């Protein structure tokens, strides 16, 4: 495997739904082009999907962010129809910011001798889920270069997006 693209939480609720922002709407086409680029080279594309239940407001996250979003089997939970989804691309559901399953998948790739040369992350939200998953990738595969494309990410606010990018750079994650 040469490269791996992780598309973080490009779900309707983060684009134009409960937690949508103008900045999130602006990156959809760029993310779509990036997915097609990776798929066209035969590289692996993995999607993550923030996934909550009807009890969201009773969870720690729900108490701290009391905006129901990405509730399983709702339109908001679905990955945007505007995005190209390669047939063999797994979708990793996650019930919190970072994905434990992503870390396990990376370990399995390493055990199988299929470590990517580079891992790139794009998606939403830069300051919550993108940074969390980038740190998980760095923890599980510290010698693999990790890149975040800032033009294919958006944060809850432009300021928090920039803060997250600086924090990732401090952790040796390349920001382009």
Protein backbone atom coordinates (compact mmCIF):
# COMPACT_ATOMS: atom_id res chain seq x y z
CA UNK A 1 0.00 0.00 0.00
CA UNK A 2 1.43 3.37 -0.85
CA UNK A 3 -0.84 6.00 0.70
CA UNK A 4 -3.91 6.11 2.92
CA UNK A 5 -6.54 8.84 3.03
CA UNK A 6 -8.72 9.16 6.13
CA UNK A 7 -11.88 11.18 5.49
CA UNK A 8 -13.07 12.30 8.91
CA UNK A 9 -16.79 12.81 9.62
CA UNK A 10 -17.91 14.33 6.31
CA UNK A 11 -21.48 13.86 7.49
CA UNK A 12 -24.52 16.00 6.80
CA UNK A 13 -24.85 17.26 10.37
CA UNK A 14 -21.32 18.71 10.21
CA UNK A 15 -21.76 20.16 6.73
CA UNK A 16 -25.24 21.69 6.56
CA UNK A 17 -27.07 20.20 9.53
CA UNK A 18 -27.08 20.67 13.30
CA UNK A 19 -23.39 21.66 13.53
CA UNK A 20 -22.85 22.81 9.95
CA UNK A 21 -20.82 25.88 9.07
CA UNK A 22 -20.18 27.92 5.93
CA UNK A 23 -16.55 26.75 6.08
CA UNK A 24 -17.64 23.10 6.07
CA UNK A 25 -19.79 23.69 3.00
CA UNK A 26 -16.80 25.28 1.27
CA UNK A 27 -14.53 22.23 1.56
CA UNK A 28 -16.90 19.57 0.15
CA UNK A 29 -15.67 19.89 -3.45
CA UNK A 30 -12.00 19.86 -2.40
CA UNK A 31 -12.52 16.77 -0.25
CA UNK A 32 -14.33 15.08 -3.12
CA UNK A 33 -11.41 15.82 -5.48
CA UNK A 34 -8.95 14.44 -2.92
CA UNK A 35 -10.95 11.20 -2.57
CA UNK A 36 -11.02 10.77 -6.35
CA UNK A 37 -7.27 11.43 -6.55
CA UNK A 38 -6.50 8.70 -4.01
CA UNK A 39 -8.95 6.25 -5.53
CA UNK A 40 -7.59 6.92 -9.00
CA UNK A 41 -4.12 5.86 -7.85
CA UNK A 42 -5.52 2.75 -6.19
CA UNK A 43 -4.78 4.02 -2.67
CA UNK A 44 -6.98 3.11 0.27
CA UNK A 45 -9.63 5.60 1.43
CA UNK A 46 -11.18 5.17 4.89
CA UNK A 47 -14.15 7.17 6.15
CA UNK A 48 -15.01 7.79 9.79
CA UNK A 49 -18.57 8.49 10.91
CA UNK A 50 -19.46 10.16 14.18
CA UNK A 51 -22.23 7.93 15.51
CA UNK A 52 -24.52 8.62 18.44
CA UNK A 53 -27.68 7.08 19.82
CA UNK A 54 -30.93 8.57 21.03
CA UNK A 55 -29.32 8.88 24.48
CA UNK A 56 -26.72 11.39 23.19
CA UNK A 57 -27.73 14.15 25.63
CA UNK A 58 -27.06 11.77 28.54
CA UNK A 59 -23.47 11.12 27.47
CA UNK A 60 -20.50 13.18 28.61
CA UNK A 61 -20.18 14.67 25.14
CA UNK A 62 -23.89 15.46 25.04
CA UNK A 63 -23.74 17.22 28.40
CA UNK A 64 -20.80 19.33 27.18
CA UNK A 65 -22.15 19.88 23.65
CA UNK A 66 -25.95 19.72 24.02
CA UNK A 67 -26.66 19.69 20.28
CA UNK A 68 -27.95 16.30 19.12
CA UNK A 69 -26.07 15.35 15.97
CA UNK A 70 -25.09 12.31 13.92
CA UNK A 71 -27.82 10.20 15.50
CA UNK A 72 -27.65 6.77 13.87
CA UNK A 73 -30.01 6.23 10.92
CA UNK A 74 -30.84 9.93 10.48
CA UNK A 75 -29.97 12.11 7.49
CA UNK A 76 -27.49 14.02 9.65
CA UNK A 77 -25.58 10.81 10.41
CA UNK A 78 -25.08 9.92 6.75
CA UNK A 79 -21.90 10.74 4.88
CA UNK A 80 -22.69 13.46 2.35
CA UNK A 81 -24.09 12.25 -0.96
CA UNK A 82 -21.92 14.93 -2.58
CA UNK A 83 -18.85 12.79 -1.94
CA UNK A 84 -17.53 10.01 -4.11
CA UNK A 85 -17.30 6.79 -2.07
CA UNK A 86 -15.07 4.06 -3.51
CA UNK A 87 -16.75 0.66 -3.17
CA UNK A 88 -13.99 -0.88 -1.10
CA UNK A 89 -13.73 2.05 1.34
CA UNK A 90 -14.54 1.05 4.89
CA UNK A 91 -16.58 3.33 7.13
CA UNK A 92 -15.49 3.30 10.75
CA UNK A 93 -18.25 4.36 13.12
CA UNK A 94 -17.00 6.12 16.24
CA UNK A 95 -18.87 7.22 19.32
CA UNK A 96 -16.35 9.81 20.37
CA UNK A 97 -13.88 12.24 18.82
CA UNK A 98 -11.10 9.76 18.06
CA UNK A 99 -11.56 6.26 16.75
CA UNK A 100 -10.21 3.30 18.70
CA UNK A 101 -11.14 1.14 15.71
CA UNK A 102 -8.93 3.25 13.46
CA UNK A 103 -5.97 2.52 15.73
CA UNK A 104 -6.78 -1.20 15.66
CA UNK A 105 -7.04 -1.12 11.85
CA UNK A 106 -3.63 0.56 11.65
CA UNK A 107 -2.15 -2.13 13.94
CA UNK A 108 -3.60 -4.83 11.70
CA UNK A 109 -2.09 -3.19 8.60
CA UNK A 110 1.27 -3.08 10.37
CA UNK A 111 1.07 -6.76 11.37
CA UNK A 112 0.20 -7.67 7.78
CA UNK A 113 3.21 -5.72 6.51
CA UNK A 114 0.97 -3.25 4.70
CA UNK A 115 1.98 -0.02 6.42
CA UNK A 116 1.22 2.99 4.21
CA UNK A 117 4.10 5.21 3.13
CA UNK A 118 2.05 8.23 4.13
CA UNK A 119 -1.31 8.92 5.78
CA UNK A 120 -3.35 12.01 5.01
CA UNK A 121 -6.40 13.27 6.88
CA UNK A 122 -9.15 15.58 5.66
CA UNK A 123 -12.59 16.41 6.99
CA UNK A 124 -14.50 17.82 9.92
CA UNK A 125 -14.01 19.28 12.46
CA UNK A 126 -10.32 20.21 12.42
CA UNK A 127 -10.34 21.22 16.07
CA UNK A 128 -12.12 18.15 17.42
CA UNK A 129 -12.21 14.96 15.37
CA UNK A 130 -9.49 15.61 12.78
CA UNK A 131 -6.89 16.47 15.42
CA UNK A 132 -8.00 13.55 17.63
CA UNK A 133 -7.67 11.03 14.82
CA UNK A 134 -4.40 12.53 13.58
CA UNK A 135 -2.97 12.01 17.07
CA UNK A 136 -4.22 8.41 17.11
CA UNK A 137 -2.51 7.79 13.77
CA UNK A 138 0.74 9.29 15.11
CA UNK A 139 0.51 7.15 18.26
CA UNK A 140 -0.05 3.90 16.38
CA UNK A 141 2.37 4.52 13.49
CA UNK A 142 4.87 7.11 14.75
CA UNK A 143 7.32 6.61 11.88
CA UNK A 144 4.76 7.07 9.11
CA UNK A 145 4.50 10.66 7.85
CA UNK A 146 1.09 12.13 8.64
CA UNK A 147 -0.32 15.06 6.67
CA UNK A 148 -3.43 17.17 7.13
CA UNK A 149 -4.66 19.19 4.16
CA UNK A 150 -5.89 22.44 5.68
CA UNK A 151 -7.87 23.31 2.53
CA UNK A 152 -9.86 20.08 2.99
CA UNK A 153 -10.69 20.69 6.65
CA UNK A 154 -12.87 23.11 8.58
CA UNK A 155 -13.24 23.71 12.27
CA UNK A 156 -16.10 24.80 14.47
CA UNK A 157 -14.76 28.33 13.92
CA UNK A 158 -11.98 29.66 11.69
CA UNK A 159 -9.95 30.47 14.82
CA UNK A 160 -10.26 26.98 16.29
CA UNK A 161 -9.35 25.51 12.87
CA UNK A 162 -6.10 27.53 12.86
CA UNK A 163 -5.34 26.63 16.49
CA UNK A 164 -5.75 22.92 15.73
CA UNK A 165 -3.49 23.15 12.68
CA UNK A 166 -0.75 24.78 14.81
CA UNK A 167 -1.15 22.12 17.51
CA UNK A 168 -0.82 19.33 14.94
CA UNK A 169 2.31 20.94 13.47
CA UNK A 170 3.81 20.98 16.98
CA UNK A 171 3.22 17.20 17.08
CA UNK A 172 5.11 16.67 13.80
CA UNK A 173 2.03 16.37 11.65
CA UNK A 174 2.63 18.07 8.31
CA UNK A 175 0.01 20.69 7.47
CA UNK A 176 -0.35 21.67 3.83
